[in-house]
């Protein structure tokens, strides 16, 4: 039986919601199987019940009770307990930044996202969801490093409330050195700017890698600056920002292999 997912979404309640284009009703005992890529661990959920001839069907599966661990899980349909297994095709890219932003407003320990693989199949990505300052734009202007973005997984409301905050840059190696500046946080939107001259002055021999974080009143720990909510994996290779020079010293924003933002000075 040919089944194609036309719409895939993980709702705010961590429910995998699918709309299927099907040639015949799902048979009784049809199972959705999620198989962890590279590991082989599987989770099975019984879906189908007999029904009239239809061209579309909707499926909803609560993911949290399944106890799935972080990673990528490929989706299959299996007919009966030991029947034929078919990987589920998908035509929905599973990406809506508005949906992902809304999903990231709640405090979570795990984040679930449905997406279409490069080969056109349905999969679910599961990742840790600690509070983070999700970066949306980075630029240099008038000798300053500026960044804007969204507070994710903090539980803050997306409203006009103001939260006192500051941007901090700390060296990742060598003696602990920090440069700080006031930041603006309204609801879950933040903007921060910091003088690059202060960074250069605090950098021995004008070289070093700096780690930015956002310290916000009401949040116990500094928030790392990263870019994890969108669907661009491997930003270290794929995202390149223009660099600048301050008193002849090159400065360039870059990402780590974990999609966290860094500021590279010199080199």
Protein backbone atom coordinates (compact mmCIF):
# COMPACT_ATOMS: atom_id res chain seq x y z
CA UNK A 1 0.00 0.00 0.00
CA UNK A 2 1.39 3.40 -0.99
CA UNK A 3 1.26 6.03 1.78
CA UNK A 4 2.55 9.60 1.42
CA UNK A 5 2.69 12.19 4.20
CA UNK A 6 1.33 15.49 2.89
CA UNK A 7 1.56 17.41 6.17
CA UNK A 8 3.78 16.68 9.17
CA UNK A 9 4.03 18.61 12.42
CA UNK A 10 4.95 18.10 16.04
CA UNK A 11 2.40 20.12 18.02
CA UNK A 12 3.03 22.19 21.14
CA UNK A 13 1.95 19.14 23.17
CA UNK A 14 4.67 16.98 21.52
CA UNK A 15 2.16 15.08 19.40
CA UNK A 16 3.29 13.91 15.97
CA UNK A 17 0.42 14.97 13.70
CA UNK A 18 0.37 13.52 10.18
CA UNK A 19 -1.96 13.85 7.22
CA UNK A 20 -1.64 10.88 4.89
CA UNK A 21 -2.57 10.40 1.25
CA UNK A 22 -3.50 6.71 0.98
CA UNK A 23 -4.81 4.33 -1.65
CA UNK A 24 -6.88 2.29 0.82
CA UNK A 25 -7.79 2.52 4.53
CA UNK A 26 -5.17 1.60 7.09
CA UNK A 27 -5.72 -2.01 8.02
CA UNK A 28 -6.41 -3.07 11.58
CA UNK A 29 -3.14 -3.49 13.45
CA UNK A 30 -1.10 -1.21 11.20
CA UNK A 31 1.90 0.05 13.15
CA UNK A 32 3.96 3.21 12.97
CA UNK A 33 7.57 2.29 13.64
CA UNK A 34 10.20 4.85 14.59
CA UNK A 35 13.74 3.50 14.20
CA UNK A 36 16.73 5.39 15.58
CA UNK A 37 19.29 5.99 12.89
CA UNK A 38 22.72 4.49 13.56
CA UNK A 39 21.50 2.64 16.66
CA UNK A 40 18.59 0.48 15.53
CA UNK A 41 16.40 1.05 18.58
CA UNK A 42 12.71 0.89 17.62
CA UNK A 43 9.42 2.13 19.03
CA UNK A 44 6.10 0.80 17.70
CA UNK A 45 2.62 2.35 17.91
CA UNK A 46 -0.54 0.65 16.65
CA UNK A 47 -2.47 2.97 14.29
CA UNK A 48 -4.98 1.43 11.96
CA UNK A 49 -8.57 0.34 12.28
CA UNK A 50 -10.87 -0.80 9.47
CA UNK A 51 -12.80 1.95 7.71
CA UNK A 52 -14.52 3.07 4.55
CA UNK A 53 -12.66 3.81 1.34
CA UNK A 54 -10.85 7.11 1.78
CA UNK A 55 -8.10 9.04 0.05
CA UNK A 56 -6.80 10.80 3.16
CA UNK A 57 -6.27 9.91 6.80
CA UNK A 58 -5.01 11.74 9.89
CA UNK A 59 -2.72 10.21 12.48
CA UNK A 60 -1.73 11.62 15.88
CA UNK A 61 0.92 9.99 18.08
CA UNK A 62 2.05 11.36 21.45
CA UNK A 63 5.85 11.21 21.40
CA UNK A 64 6.80 11.92 25.03
CA UNK A 65 5.41 8.62 26.44
CA UNK A 66 7.49 6.63 23.94
CA UNK A 67 10.73 7.46 25.79
CA UNK A 68 12.68 8.24 22.61
CA UNK A 69 16.27 9.38 23.11
CA UNK A 70 17.97 12.25 21.24
CA UNK A 71 18.86 11.48 17.65
CA UNK A 72 17.16 11.01 14.28
CA UNK A 73 14.33 8.50 13.95
CA UNK A 74 13.16 7.21 10.56
CA UNK A 75 9.45 6.39 10.15
CA UNK A 76 7.99 3.16 8.74
CA UNK A 77 4.56 1.55 8.43
CA UNK A 78 4.21 -2.13 9.19
CA UNK A 79 1.14 -4.20 8.33
CA UNK A 80 0.43 -6.39 11.33
CA UNK A 81 2.80 -7.46 14.08
CA UNK A 82 5.26 -9.13 11.71
CA UNK A 83 4.09 -7.97 8.30
CA UNK A 84 5.78 -6.03 5.51
CA UNK A 85 7.54 -2.85 6.59
CA UNK A 86 7.53 0.23 4.32
CA UNK A 87 9.42 3.45 4.81
CA UNK A 88 7.02 6.41 4.74
CA UNK A 89 7.38 8.87 1.88
CA UNK A 90 6.90 12.56 2.63
CA UNK A 91 6.28 15.64 0.48
CA UNK A 92 6.10 18.13 3.37
CA UNK A 93 9.50 19.67 4.24
CA UNK A 94 8.25 19.97 7.82
CA UNK A 95 9.67 23.46 8.26
CA UNK A 96 7.82 26.54 9.39
CA UNK A 97 9.86 29.07 11.37
CA UNK A 98 6.68 30.50 12.89
CA UNK A 99 5.71 27.03 14.17
CA UNK A 100 9.20 26.37 15.48
CA UNK A 101 9.32 29.74 17.24
CA UNK A 102 5.98 29.04 18.93
CA UNK A 103 7.16 25.57 19.91
CA UNK A 104 10.32 27.02 21.49
CA UNK A 105 8.41 29.32 23.87
CA UNK A 106 7.74 26.56 26.41
CA UNK A 107 10.28 25.14 28.83
CA UNK A 108 11.33 21.68 27.61
CA UNK A 109 14.00 19.09 28.18
CA UNK A 110 13.59 17.53 24.73
CA UNK A 111 12.57 19.13 21.44
CA UNK A 112 10.87 17.05 18.71
CA UNK A 113 10.67 18.03 15.04
CA UNK A 114 9.20 16.18 12.05
CA UNK A 115 11.00 16.70 8.75
CA UNK A 116 11.53 15.29 5.26
CA UNK A 117 14.88 13.65 4.60
CA UNK A 118 17.00 14.42 1.55
CA UNK A 119 15.64 11.24 -0.06
CA UNK A 120 12.03 12.26 0.56
CA UNK A 121 11.07 10.21 3.61
CA UNK A 122 9.53 11.12 6.97
CA UNK A 123 11.81 11.36 9.99
CA UNK A 124 11.76 12.84 13.49
CA UNK A 125 14.67 14.74 14.99
CA UNK A 126 14.99 14.78 18.79
CA UNK A 127 17.43 17.05 20.58
CA UNK A 128 18.07 18.45 24.04
CA UNK A 129 16.22 21.68 24.78
CA UNK A 130 18.01 23.77 27.38
CA UNK A 131 17.37 27.54 27.45
CA UNK A 132 19.31 29.30 24.70
CA UNK A 133 19.53 32.68 22.99
CA UNK A 134 18.73 31.67 19.41
CA UNK A 135 20.57 33.91 16.94
CA UNK A 136 18.68 35.39 14.00
CA UNK A 137 21.07 38.09 12.76
CA UNK A 138 24.71 39.07 13.31
CA UNK A 139 26.48 42.11 11.90
CA UNK A 140 29.21 44.69 12.47
CA UNK A 141 28.30 48.37 12.54
CA UNK A 142 30.31 51.44 13.57
CA UNK A 143 32.90 49.37 15.39
CA UNK A 144 30.33 47.26 17.22
CA UNK A 145 29.38 43.61 17.20
CA UNK A 146 25.56 43.37 17.14
CA UNK A 147 23.26 40.38 17.44
CA UNK A 148 19.50 39.83 17.56
CA UNK A 149 17.41 36.75 18.21
CA UNK A 150 14.85 34.89 20.29
CA UNK A 151 14.99 33.38 23.78
CA UNK A 152 14.14 29.69 23.36
CA UNK A 153 12.91 27.16 25.94
CA UNK A 154 12.93 29.74 28.76
CA UNK A 155 9.18 29.82 29.43
CA UNK A 156 9.08 33.60 28.92
CA UNK A 157 5.96 35.00 27.24
CA UNK A 158 6.18 36.55 23.78
CA UNK A 159 4.87 39.94 24.90
CA UNK A 160 6.12 43.49 25.53
CA UNK A 161 7.52 42.88 29.00
CA UNK A 162 11.06 44.15 29.54
CA UNK A 163 13.80 42.07 31.16
CA UNK A 164 17.13 43.51 32.31
CA UNK A 165 19.98 41.76 30.49
CA UNK A 166 23.57 42.03 29.39
CA UNK A 167 25.74 40.53 26.68
CA UNK A 168 29.01 38.98 27.85
CA UNK A 169 31.98 37.86 25.78
CA UNK A 170 34.46 35.49 27.45
CA UNK A 171 37.67 33.99 26.12
CA UNK A 172 37.46 30.25 25.56
CA UNK A 173 41.14 29.66 26.46
CA UNK A 174 43.81 31.25 28.61
CA UNK A 175 43.24 33.58 31.57
CA UNK A 176 39.56 34.32 32.14
CA UNK A 177 38.69 37.62 30.49
CA UNK A 178 35.22 39.09 30.00
CA UNK A 179 33.80 42.07 28.15
CA UNK A 180 30.17 43.02 28.88
CA UNK A 181 27.53 45.44 27.63
CA UNK A 182 23.85 46.10 28.36
CA UNK A 183 21.33 44.22 26.20
CA UNK A 184 17.65 44.72 25.43
CA UNK A 185 15.12 41.92 26.00
CA UNK A 186 11.43 42.51 25.28
CA UNK A 187 9.34 39.42 25.82
CA UNK A 188 11.46 36.78 24.08
CA UNK A 189 13.18 39.08 21.55
CA UNK A 190 16.68 40.31 22.28
CA UNK A 191 19.14 42.81 20.82
CA UNK A 192 22.68 43.38 22.02
CA UNK A 193 25.68 45.40 20.86
CA UNK A 194 29.24 45.46 22.14
CA UNK A 195 32.28 47.60 21.24
CA UNK A 196 34.89 45.66 19.29
CA UNK A 197 37.54 48.11 20.51
CA UNK A 198 36.93 46.80 24.05
CA UNK A 199 37.35 43.24 22.79
CA UNK A 200 40.61 44.03 21.00
CA UNK A 201 41.96 45.83 24.06
CA UNK A 202 41.21 42.76 26.20
CA UNK A 203 42.81 40.28 23.79
CA UNK A 204 46.51 39.56 24.45
CA UNK A 205 48.52 39.76 21.24
CA UNK A 206 45.22 40.51 19.45
CA UNK A 207 44.27 36.87 19.02
CA UNK A 208 41.64 34.67 20.62
CA UNK A 209 38.28 32.94 20.38
CA UNK A 210 35.44 34.53 22.33
CA UNK A 211 32.22 32.91 23.55
CA UNK A 212 29.15 35.17 23.78
CA UNK A 213 26.35 34.62 26.27
CA UNK A 214 23.24 36.50 27.32
CA UNK A 215 22.58 37.04 31.02
CA UNK A 216 18.89 37.75 31.64
CA UNK A 217 17.15 38.59 34.91
CA UNK A 218 14.82 35.74 35.86
CA UNK A 219 17.01 33.04 34.28
CA UNK A 220 19.47 31.33 36.60
CA UNK A 221 22.24 30.60 34.11
CA UNK A 222 23.79 32.57 31.22
CA UNK A 223 22.25 31.65 27.87
CA UNK A 224 24.68 30.54 25.16
CA UNK A 225 24.21 32.20 21.78
CA UNK A 226 23.51 29.60 19.12
CA UNK A 227 21.31 28.84 16.12
CA UNK A 228 19.49 25.54 16.58
CA UNK A 229 15.80 26.15 15.95
CA UNK A 230 15.93 26.42 12.15
CA UNK A 231 16.61 23.52 9.77
CA UNK A 232 20.20 24.40 8.77
CA UNK A 233 22.52 21.74 10.17
CA UNK A 234 26.28 22.16 10.18
CA UNK A 235 26.38 25.95 10.29
CA UNK A 236 30.15 25.86 10.83
CA UNK A 237 30.46 24.86 7.17
CA UNK A 238 27.37 26.45 5.66
CA UNK A 239 27.00 29.88 7.31
CA UNK A 240 29.67 32.48 6.66
CA UNK A 241 29.48 36.04 8.03
CA UNK A 242 31.46 38.97 6.63
CA UNK A 243 34.48 39.85 8.75
CA UNK A 244 35.77 43.27 9.73
CA UNK A 245 38.99 44.87 10.92
CA UNK A 246 39.46 46.99 14.02
CA UNK A 247 42.80 48.82 14.15
CA UNK A 248 44.07 46.33 11.59
CA UNK A 249 42.97 43.27 13.61
CA UNK A 250 40.54 40.92 11.79
CA UNK A 251 37.35 39.92 13.61
CA UNK A 252 34.95 37.25 12.33
CA UNK A 253 31.81 35.58 13.73
CA UNK A 254 31.67 31.80 13.26
CA UNK A 255 29.84 28.72 14.55
CA UNK A 256 31.12 25.66 16.38
CA UNK A 257 30.27 22.09 15.38
CA UNK A 258 27.42 22.34 17.92
CA UNK A 259 25.99 25.45 16.17
CA UNK A 260 27.07 27.83 18.95
CA UNK A 261 28.24 31.31 18.00
CA UNK A 262 31.85 32.42 18.55
CA UNK A 263 33.81 35.58 17.78
CA UNK A 264 37.24 34.94 16.28
CA UNK A 265 39.78 37.72 16.80
CA UNK A 266 43.07 37.75 14.87
CA UNK A 267 44.44 34.71 13.11
